[in-house]
Amino acid sequence: MGERIAVVGAGQMGNGIAHVFAVSGFDVSMVDISEEALAKGKGTITSNLDRQVKKGTIDAAAKDAALARITTSTSMDAASEATLVIEAATERADLKFQIFEKLDRIAPPESVLASNTSSISITQIGARTKRPASVVGMHFMNPVPVMQLVEIIRGQATSEETTARVVALARQLGKTPVEASDYPGFIANRILMPMINEAVFCLMEGVGSAEAIDTVMKLGMNHPLGPLALADLIGLDTCLAILEVLHTGLGDPKYRPCPLLRKYVDAGWTGRKSGRGFYQY
């Protein structure tokens, strides 16, 4: 296979993306500024592969082969050999802009630079590089090894060729690519975040308890997880950041983040990762 992959960020999304590429036969370099994050990311990949072996979705030989395809590095220079770089860093525009300016200098000129952003403008990210036609959004869903969808986002300058290339790659991973235009929140979060936000308003206004709200959505709408439990899983800080992107980018008051959501984030109650969100963990 011709493509060589570099993934920037070894967190929840980054290690999941590295995992699916490695299982599909691609060589992957996982890059993070922290050695600790890289070790933790590699550990997560190993335990997720073990789970797949137990379930019988892959055999032990495939697991070992996948692990052997993943190298780790604390230097962005690891992207100098890559034909596709996927950035999966924290959801902060300033950080992503910095990373893409650097990747533009390091990655070969024919390489595609993709972002796993869930809401930040691909057009703005592409404009920070000298190759906006080769910048695209590849928004994987969490947990990456399990979820089928990849949202492919075309910036204003993204070429047909770049789009076709990442659509084909997503299919090679066994995923279902769906194309979206570059508007705040794309498709997934444009629909999901206002629903989560409305659930928080219901909680704030005493329309129902967290359990009641989530039970209605699970049993009434057949959602596998209620919106408040889902927000805890995503991270309330991430939900707030995406709602702010929607609110600022679209300028419509209907996207105004619920004050209770802001209060929880201010308190450090960001969901599962902090041990407390709308539920205790």
Protein backbone atom coordinates (compact mmCIF):
# COMPACT_ATOMS: atom_id res chain seq x y z
CA MET A 1 0.00 0.00 0.00
CA GLY A 2 1.41 3.32 -1.05
CA GLU A 3 0.15 5.56 1.73
CA ARG A 4 2.27 6.19 4.84
CA ILE A 5 0.35 7.72 7.72
CA ALA A 6 1.35 10.09 10.51
CA VAL A 7 -1.08 10.87 13.33
CA VAL A 8 -0.41 13.97 15.43
CA GLY A 9 -1.78 13.45 18.96
CA ALA A 10 -1.82 10.19 20.94
CA GLY A 11 -4.96 10.90 22.97
CA GLN A 12 -8.34 9.18 22.76
CA MET A 13 -8.90 10.05 19.10
CA GLY A 14 -5.28 9.90 17.91
CA ASN A 15 -4.56 6.41 19.23
CA GLY A 16 -7.91 5.18 17.80
CA ILE A 17 -7.03 6.55 14.35
CA ALA A 18 -3.53 5.00 14.50
CA HIS A 19 -5.18 1.70 15.56
CA VAL A 20 -7.57 1.46 12.59
CA PHE A 21 -4.91 2.38 10.03
CA ALA A 22 -2.44 -0.17 11.46
CA VAL A 23 -5.07 -2.94 11.47
CA SER A 24 -5.83 -2.12 7.83
CA GLY A 25 -2.18 -2.65 6.84
CA PHE A 26 -0.78 0.90 6.85
CA ASP A 27 2.49 1.99 8.46
CA VAL A 28 1.66 4.62 11.07
CA SER A 29 3.81 7.07 12.97
CA MET A 30 2.08 8.42 16.11
CA VAL A 31 3.44 11.80 17.23
CA ASP A 32 2.91 13.60 20.54
CA ILE A 33 4.96 16.13 22.50
CA SER A 34 4.73 13.92 25.59
CA GLU A 35 6.48 10.53 25.92
CA GLU A 36 3.92 9.69 28.60
CA ALA A 37 0.99 10.33 26.22
CA LEU A 38 2.66 8.13 23.58
CA ALA A 39 3.16 5.27 26.05
CA LYS A 40 -0.42 5.59 27.26
CA GLY A 41 -1.70 5.73 23.65
CA LYS A 42 0.25 2.62 22.67
CA GLY A 43 -1.09 0.88 25.81
CA THR A 44 -4.67 1.74 24.83
CA ILE A 45 -4.11 0.39 21.31
CA THR A 46 -2.68 -2.86 22.74
CA SER A 47 -5.64 -3.41 25.09
CA ASN A 48 -8.16 -2.55 22.34
CA LEU A 49 -6.47 -5.05 20.01
CA ASP A 50 -6.55 -7.67 22.81
CA ARG A 51 -10.29 -7.06 23.09
CA GLN A 52 -10.68 -7.60 19.31
CA VAL A 53 -8.72 -10.88 19.56
CA LYS A 54 -10.98 -12.03 22.44
CA LYS A 55 -14.06 -11.18 20.37
CA GLY A 56 -12.59 -13.05 17.40
CA THR A 57 -12.70 -10.05 15.03
CA ILE A 58 -8.91 -10.40 14.46
CA ASP A 59 -6.41 -13.15 15.29
CA ALA A 60 -3.27 -12.87 17.44
CA ALA A 61 -1.01 -12.70 14.37
CA ALA A 62 -2.98 -9.73 13.00
CA LYS A 63 -2.70 -8.00 16.38
CA ASP A 64 1.09 -8.43 16.45
CA ALA A 65 1.39 -7.26 12.84
CA ALA A 66 -0.71 -4.16 13.58
CA LEU A 67 1.40 -3.26 16.63
CA ALA A 68 4.59 -3.72 14.59
CA ARG A 69 3.32 -1.15 12.06
CA ILE A 70 3.05 1.62 14.69
CA THR A 71 6.07 3.73 15.56
CA THR A 72 6.01 6.64 18.02
CA SER A 73 7.90 9.93 18.10
CA THR A 74 7.97 13.18 20.09
CA SER A 75 9.14 15.08 17.02
CA MET A 76 6.93 16.39 14.25
CA ASP A 77 9.77 15.43 11.85
CA ALA A 78 8.17 11.98 11.82
CA ALA A 79 5.72 13.53 9.33
CA SER A 80 8.52 14.15 6.79
CA GLU A 81 7.94 10.68 5.26
CA ALA A 82 4.13 10.67 5.46
CA THR A 83 1.78 10.84 2.47
CA LEU A 84 -1.20 11.55 4.76
CA VAL A 85 -0.97 13.38 8.09
CA ILE A 86 -3.99 13.42 10.41
CA GLU A 87 -3.98 15.96 13.21
CA ALA A 88 -5.91 14.84 16.30
CA ALA A 89 -4.80 17.42 18.87
CA THR A 90 -6.97 19.25 21.44
CA GLU A 91 -9.94 21.17 19.98
CA ARG A 92 -8.30 24.61 20.04
CA ALA A 93 -8.02 26.70 16.89
CA ASP A 94 -4.72 28.40 17.85
CA LEU A 95 -3.07 25.03 18.50
CA LYS A 96 -4.34 23.51 15.24
CA PHE A 97 -3.14 26.54 13.22
CA GLN A 98 0.34 26.18 14.77
CA ILE A 99 0.47 22.44 14.01
CA PHE A 100 -0.59 22.92 10.37
CA GLU A 101 1.93 25.72 9.77
CA LYS A 102 4.62 23.33 11.04
CA LEU A 103 3.30 20.30 9.10
CA ASP A 104 3.20 22.36 5.91
CA ARG A 105 6.97 22.92 6.24
CA ILE A 106 7.78 19.29 7.20
CA ALA A 107 5.48 17.05 5.13
CA PRO A 108 6.31 16.27 1.47
CA PRO A 109 4.63 18.67 -1.00
CA GLU A 110 2.34 15.93 -2.39
CA SER A 111 1.08 14.92 1.07
CA VAL A 112 -2.47 15.49 2.24
CA LEU A 113 -2.89 17.27 5.58
CA ALA A 114 -6.11 16.26 7.36
CA SER A 115 -7.68 17.43 10.61
CA ASN A 116 -9.85 15.35 12.92
CA THR A 117 -11.46 18.55 14.20
CA SER A 118 -15.09 18.26 15.25
CA SER A 119 -15.97 21.90 14.56
CA ILE A 120 -13.05 24.19 13.60
CA SER A 121 -13.07 25.63 10.06
CA ILE A 122 -11.08 23.57 7.54
CA THR A 123 -10.97 26.68 5.33
CA GLN A 124 -9.22 28.64 8.12
CA ILE A 125 -6.83 25.75 8.81
CA GLY A 126 -6.00 25.39 5.09
CA ALA A 127 -5.35 29.14 4.78
CA ARG A 128 -2.50 28.75 7.30
CA THR A 129 -0.64 26.55 4.80
CA LYS A 130 0.80 26.97 1.30
CA ARG A 131 -1.26 23.92 0.15
CA PRO A 132 -4.93 24.67 0.98
CA ALA A 133 -6.05 22.38 -1.88
CA SER A 134 -4.49 19.45 0.05
CA VAL A 135 -6.07 20.28 3.42
CA VAL A 136 -9.23 18.38 4.38
CA GLY A 137 -11.27 17.36 7.41
CA MET A 138 -11.38 13.68 8.43
CA HIS A 139 -13.65 13.66 11.46
CA PHE A 140 -13.65 10.20 13.02
CA MET A 141 -16.20 9.28 15.69
CA ASN A 142 -15.34 8.09 19.19
CA PRO A 143 -14.43 5.26 19.86
CA VAL A 144 -12.68 5.13 16.49
CA PRO A 145 -12.18 1.32 16.24
CA VAL A 146 -15.92 0.75 16.78
CA MET A 147 -17.69 3.64 15.04
CA GLN A 148 -18.43 3.36 11.32
CA LEU A 149 -18.64 7.03 10.32
CA VAL A 150 -15.95 9.35 9.00
CA GLU A 151 -17.16 12.87 8.21
CA ILE A 152 -15.10 14.19 5.27
CA ILE A 153 -15.05 18.00 5.24
CA ARG A 154 -14.08 20.05 2.20
CA GLY A 155 -12.68 23.50 2.92
CA GLN A 156 -13.28 26.32 0.45
CA ALA A 157 -10.02 25.47 -1.35
CA THR A 158 -9.93 21.64 -0.91
CA SER A 159 -9.50 19.95 -4.29
CA GLU A 160 -11.66 17.18 -5.76
CA GLU A 161 -8.58 14.99 -5.89
CA THR A 162 -7.81 15.43 -2.16
CA THR A 163 -11.43 14.67 -1.27
CA ALA A 164 -11.52 11.54 -3.46
CA ARG A 165 -8.25 10.34 -1.93
CA VAL A 166 -9.45 10.53 1.69
CA VAL A 167 -12.89 9.10 0.81
CA ALA A 168 -11.14 6.08 -0.73
CA LEU A 169 -8.85 5.74 2.31
CA ALA A 170 -11.79 5.85 4.71
CA ARG A 171 -13.38 3.01 2.73
CA GLN A 172 -10.12 1.01 2.92
CA LEU A 173 -10.43 1.26 6.72
CA GLY A 174 -13.89 -0.32 6.46
CA LYS A 175 -15.52 3.00 7.41
CA THR A 176 -18.41 4.83 5.77
CA PRO A 177 -17.31 8.28 4.55
CA VAL A 178 -19.91 11.07 4.39
CA GLU A 179 -19.04 14.39 2.76
CA ALA A 180 -19.91 17.65 4.53
CA SER A 181 -19.37 21.30 3.60
CA ASP A 182 -17.21 23.49 5.79
CA TYR A 183 -19.77 25.24 7.98
CA PRO A 184 -19.50 25.44 11.79
CA GLY A 185 -20.01 22.01 13.38
CA PHE A 186 -20.26 20.30 9.93
CA ILE A 187 -23.18 17.79 10.03
CA ALA A 188 -22.59 15.68 13.14
CA ASN A 189 -22.12 18.41 15.72
CA ARG A 190 -24.47 20.89 14.04
CA ILE A 191 -27.26 18.44 14.95
CA LEU A 192 -25.86 16.71 18.05
CA MET A 193 -24.70 19.70 20.13
CA PRO A 194 -28.00 21.65 20.08
CA MET A 195 -29.69 18.43 21.25
CA ILE A 196 -27.23 18.04 24.13
CA ASN A 197 -27.57 21.76 24.92
CA GLU A 198 -31.38 21.47 24.99
CA ALA A 199 -31.10 18.50 27.37
CA VAL A 200 -28.97 20.68 29.70
CA PHE A 201 -31.59 23.47 29.50
CA CYS A 202 -34.25 20.88 30.47
CA LEU A 203 -32.12 19.91 33.47
CA MET A 204 -31.47 23.54 34.46
CA GLU A 205 -35.17 24.43 34.23
CA GLY A 206 -36.21 21.38 36.25
CA VAL A 207 -38.18 19.80 33.41
CA GLY A 208 -36.74 16.45 34.52
CA SER A 209 -33.83 14.85 36.35
CA ALA A 210 -30.72 13.80 34.40
CA GLU A 211 -31.93 10.18 34.61
CA ALA A 212 -35.41 11.11 33.37
CA ILE A 213 -34.07 13.12 30.41
CA ASP A 214 -31.69 10.35 29.36
CA THR A 215 -34.32 7.61 29.79
CA VAL A 216 -36.77 9.49 27.55
CA MET A 217 -34.18 9.74 24.78
CA LYS A 218 -33.02 6.13 25.16
CA LEU A 219 -36.45 4.48 25.31
CA GLY A 220 -38.48 7.07 23.40
CA MET A 221 -36.01 7.81 20.58
CA ASN A 222 -34.02 4.57 20.68
CA HIS A 223 -30.70 6.34 21.34
CA PRO A 224 -28.09 3.93 22.77
CA LEU A 225 -26.99 6.63 25.24
CA GLY A 226 -28.92 9.60 26.64
CA PRO A 227 -27.67 13.10 25.70
CA LEU A 228 -26.38 13.96 29.20
CA ALA A 229 -24.48 10.67 29.57
CA LEU A 230 -23.13 11.21 26.04
CA ALA A 231 -21.99 14.75 26.97
CA ASP A 232 -20.13 13.29 29.97
CA LEU A 233 -18.43 10.80 27.63
CA ILE A 234 -17.44 13.49 25.09
CA GLY A 235 -16.33 15.92 27.81
CA LEU A 236 -18.43 18.92 28.85
CA ASP A 237 -15.52 21.26 28.03
CA THR A 238 -15.46 19.90 24.46
CA CYS A 239 -19.25 20.28 24.16
CA LEU A 240 -18.99 23.88 25.36
CA ALA A 241 -16.15 24.64 22.92
CA ILE A 242 -18.16 23.25 19.97
CA LEU A 243 -21.29 25.18 20.98
CA GLU A 244 -19.20 28.36 21.13
CA VAL A 245 -17.93 27.67 17.60
CA LEU A 246 -21.56 27.21 16.43
CA HIS A 247 -22.76 30.31 18.27
CA THR A 248 -19.94 32.54 17.00
CA GLY A 249 -19.73 31.09 13.51
CA LEU A 250 -23.46 31.06 12.72
CA GLY A 251 -24.39 34.06 14.87
CA ASP A 252 -27.76 32.56 15.81
CA PRO A 253 -28.89 32.79 19.46
CA LYS A 254 -30.35 29.28 19.24
CA TYR A 255 -26.79 27.93 19.63
CA ARG A 256 -26.18 29.85 22.90
CA PRO A 257 -24.51 27.43 25.36
CA CYS A 258 -26.70 26.68 28.37
CA PRO A 259 -25.46 28.61 31.46
CA LEU A 260 -25.56 25.37 33.50
CA LEU A 261 -23.15 23.71 31.04
CA ARG A 262 -20.78 26.66 31.47
CA LYS A 263 -21.11 26.44 35.26
CA TYR A 264 -20.22 22.72 35.29
CA VAL A 265 -17.14 23.37 33.14
CA ASP A 266 -16.14 26.27 35.43
CA ALA A 267 -16.41 23.87 38.39
CA GLY A 268 -14.11 21.39 36.64
CA TRP A 269 -16.98 18.91 36.30
CA THR A 270 -16.11 17.94 32.74
CA GLY A 271 -17.62 14.44 32.70
CA ARG A 272 -16.11 10.96 32.89
CA LYS A 273 -12.52 12.15 32.59
CA SER A 274 -12.81 14.25 35.77
CA GLY A 275 -15.00 11.72 37.65
CA ARG A 276 -17.97 14.05 37.68
CA GLY A 277 -20.28 15.63 35.10
CA PHE A 278 -24.04 15.25 34.98
CA TYR A 279 -23.35 11.93 36.70
CA GLN A 280 -20.75 10.76 39.24
CA TYR A 281 -18.15 8.27 37.96
